[in-house]
Amino acid sequence: KSNSFCTLLVRFYHSTMATPKKVSRKSTKSTSQSKKAGLVFPVGRVGSQLRKGRYAPRVSKGASVFLTACLEYLTSEVLEVAAKAVIQRNKGKRITPRALTLAVRHDADLGALLKDVTLSRGGVVPKVEKALDKKKKSGKKSKKSSATPKV
């Protein structure tokens, strides 16, 4: 056993050198793209739908995050308007398809965006044409009853 400087250096180097088998990785939980972006809607699923849809040859990660954020914002706006409409009409605490339809149609921006959309079980906005309204009776009395008899 020679304890030369080179031998000691090689032993020390090999004992401290980390090989892939010896290195213990700290197990960290993976964070989803939605969590990283601060969104509730699934960014990964929207991204995979973009890729499967073949809308473009290549789709970046930023595109799926942006589209997911837009979808989440629009959904929150529609639900907010519908919730306000339900509360104002004292119709309970449940948002129905009818409440969604009425809320969207009465809002100018959402109505323009969703003008060609038909919501299932939503019905239509009640509207009566002016031509179909009942005509008001005039307050004039007939000539016979109002005329004074001549003597």
Protein backbone atom coordinates (compact mmCIF):
# COMPACT_ATOMS: atom_id res chain seq x y z
CA LYS A 1 0.00 0.00 0.00
CA SER A 2 1.62 3.13 -1.15
CA ASN A 3 0.21 6.29 0.23
CA SER A 4 1.58 8.61 -2.31
CA PHE A 5 -0.03 11.94 -2.82
CA CYS A 6 -1.45 10.93 -6.19
CA THR A 7 -3.05 7.78 -4.80
CA LEU A 8 -4.65 9.67 -1.94
CA LEU A 9 -5.90 12.34 -4.30
CA VAL A 10 -7.46 9.78 -6.64
CA ARG A 11 -9.15 7.95 -3.76
CA PHE A 12 -10.51 11.17 -2.33
CA TYR A 13 -11.71 12.32 -5.75
CA HIS A 14 -13.51 9.03 -6.48
CA SER A 15 -15.13 8.87 -3.06
CA THR A 16 -16.57 12.38 -3.33
CA MET A 17 -17.47 12.22 -6.98
CA ALA A 18 -21.19 11.75 -7.47
CA THR A 19 -22.33 9.15 -9.89
CA PRO A 20 -25.90 9.07 -11.15
CA LYS A 21 -26.70 5.97 -9.09
CA LYS A 22 -25.40 7.42 -5.86
CA VAL A 23 -27.02 10.82 -6.18
CA SER A 24 -30.31 10.94 -4.39
CA ARG A 25 -32.60 13.42 -6.02
CA LYS A 26 -34.81 15.35 -3.73
CA SER A 27 -38.33 14.40 -4.63
CA THR A 28 -40.21 17.57 -5.50
CA LYS A 29 -43.79 17.57 -6.57
CA SER A 30 -44.24 18.72 -10.12
CA THR A 31 -46.23 21.90 -10.51
CA SER A 32 -48.78 22.07 -13.27
CA GLN A 33 -48.72 24.70 -15.97
CA SER A 34 -52.01 26.02 -14.64
CA LYS A 35 -50.52 26.52 -11.20
CA LYS A 36 -47.47 28.26 -12.66
CA ALA A 37 -49.71 30.59 -14.65
CA GLY A 38 -52.10 31.15 -11.74
CA LEU A 39 -55.11 29.78 -13.61
CA VAL A 40 -57.91 27.40 -12.71
CA PHE A 41 -58.59 26.04 -16.19
CA PRO A 42 -56.22 23.29 -17.43
CA VAL A 43 -53.42 24.77 -19.54
CA GLY A 44 -52.07 21.36 -20.55
CA ARG A 45 -55.41 20.15 -21.84
CA VAL A 46 -55.97 23.33 -23.87
CA GLY A 47 -52.47 23.00 -25.31
CA SER A 48 -53.05 19.40 -26.33
CA GLN A 49 -56.35 20.36 -27.95
CA LEU A 50 -54.53 23.08 -29.90
CA ARG A 51 -51.97 20.56 -31.12
CA LYS A 52 -54.55 17.89 -31.95
CA GLY A 53 -56.70 20.38 -33.81
CA ARG A 54 -53.91 21.09 -36.28
CA TYR A 55 -54.64 24.82 -36.27
CA ALA A 56 -50.95 25.52 -36.87
CA PRO A 57 -47.89 23.37 -37.51
CA ARG A 58 -46.32 24.47 -34.22
CA VAL A 59 -47.92 25.65 -30.98
CA SER A 60 -45.95 27.38 -28.24
CA LYS A 61 -46.53 27.00 -24.52
CA GLY A 62 -47.44 30.66 -24.32
CA ALA A 63 -50.28 30.17 -26.79
CA SER A 64 -51.98 27.58 -24.62
CA VAL A 65 -51.53 29.75 -21.51
CA PHE A 66 -52.97 32.78 -23.29
CA LEU A 67 -55.96 30.89 -24.69
CA THR A 68 -56.67 29.31 -21.30
CA ALA A 69 -56.56 32.72 -19.61
CA CYS A 70 -59.00 34.12 -22.19
CA LEU A 71 -61.42 31.22 -21.71
CA GLU A 72 -61.25 31.54 -17.94
CA TYR A 73 -61.88 35.30 -18.08
CA LEU A 74 -64.88 34.98 -20.40
CA THR A 75 -66.37 32.21 -18.27
CA SER A 76 -66.01 34.29 -15.12
CA GLU A 77 -67.67 37.28 -16.81
CA VAL A 78 -70.65 35.22 -17.99
CA LEU A 79 -71.09 33.61 -14.57
CA GLU A 80 -70.77 36.96 -12.80
CA VAL A 81 -73.46 38.58 -14.94
CA ALA A 82 -75.75 35.57 -14.55
CA ALA A 83 -75.28 35.48 -10.78
CA LYS A 84 -76.16 39.18 -10.50
CA ALA A 85 -79.26 38.61 -12.62
CA VAL A 86 -80.41 35.70 -10.45
CA ILE A 87 -79.89 37.68 -7.25
CA GLN A 88 -81.73 40.75 -8.60
CA ARG A 89 -84.74 38.69 -9.67
CA ASN A 90 -84.86 36.82 -6.34
CA LYS A 91 -84.95 33.48 -8.15
CA GLY A 92 -82.94 31.59 -5.53
CA LYS A 93 -79.27 30.74 -5.63
CA ARG A 94 -79.14 28.52 -8.69
CA ILE A 95 -77.87 29.67 -12.08
CA THR A 96 -80.02 28.00 -14.73
CA PRO A 97 -79.57 27.98 -18.51
CA ARG A 98 -82.49 30.43 -18.67
CA ALA A 99 -80.68 32.84 -16.34
CA LEU A 100 -77.53 32.53 -18.44
CA THR A 101 -79.42 33.32 -21.64
CA LEU A 102 -81.21 36.34 -20.20
CA ALA A 103 -78.02 37.70 -18.63
CA VAL A 104 -75.98 37.33 -21.82
CA ARG A 105 -78.67 38.87 -24.03
CA HIS A 106 -79.12 41.89 -21.75
CA ASP A 107 -75.36 42.62 -21.59
CA ALA A 108 -74.17 44.61 -24.60
CA ASP A 109 -70.64 43.20 -24.93
CA LEU A 110 -71.47 39.59 -24.18
CA GLY A 111 -74.58 39.81 -26.35
CA ALA A 112 -72.48 40.96 -29.30
CA LEU A 113 -69.91 38.23 -28.70
CA LEU A 114 -72.46 35.44 -28.30
CA LYS A 115 -75.12 36.67 -30.73
CA ASP A 116 -75.08 33.47 -32.81
CA VAL A 117 -74.90 31.11 -29.82
CA THR A 118 -77.90 29.01 -28.80
CA LEU A 119 -77.89 27.81 -25.21
CA SER A 120 -79.73 24.57 -24.60
CA ARG A 121 -82.87 25.03 -22.45
CA GLY A 122 -82.24 28.78 -22.44
CA GLY A 123 -85.35 30.01 -24.22
CA VAL A 124 -85.58 33.45 -25.79
CA VAL A 125 -85.72 36.97 -24.44
CA PRO A 126 -89.36 37.99 -24.01
CA LYS A 127 -90.31 40.77 -26.41
CA VAL A 128 -93.69 41.95 -27.68
CA GLU A 129 -93.80 43.99 -30.86
CA LYS A 130 -95.46 47.39 -30.55
CA ALA A 131 -97.81 46.60 -33.41
CA LEU A 132 -99.22 43.69 -31.43
CA ASP A 133 -99.91 45.68 -28.27
CA LYS A 134 -103.54 46.31 -27.44
CA LYS A 135 -104.64 49.73 -28.53
CA LYS A 136 -105.58 52.02 -25.69
CA LYS A 137 -109.19 53.12 -25.59
CA SER A 138 -109.52 56.82 -26.11
CA GLY A 139 -110.95 58.82 -23.23
CA LYS A 140 -113.44 60.65 -25.48
CA LYS A 141 -117.10 60.20 -24.70
CA SER A 142 -119.56 59.59 -27.44
CA LYS A 143 -121.32 62.66 -28.88
CA LYS A 144 -124.77 61.46 -27.93
CA SER A 145 -124.06 61.16 -24.23
CA SER A 146 -122.14 64.40 -23.93
CA ALA A 147 -124.53 66.52 -25.97
CA THR A 148 -127.04 68.56 -24.00
CA PRO A 149 -130.66 68.16 -25.03
CA LYS A 150 -132.15 71.17 -26.75
CA VAL A 151 -135.36 72.41 -25.34
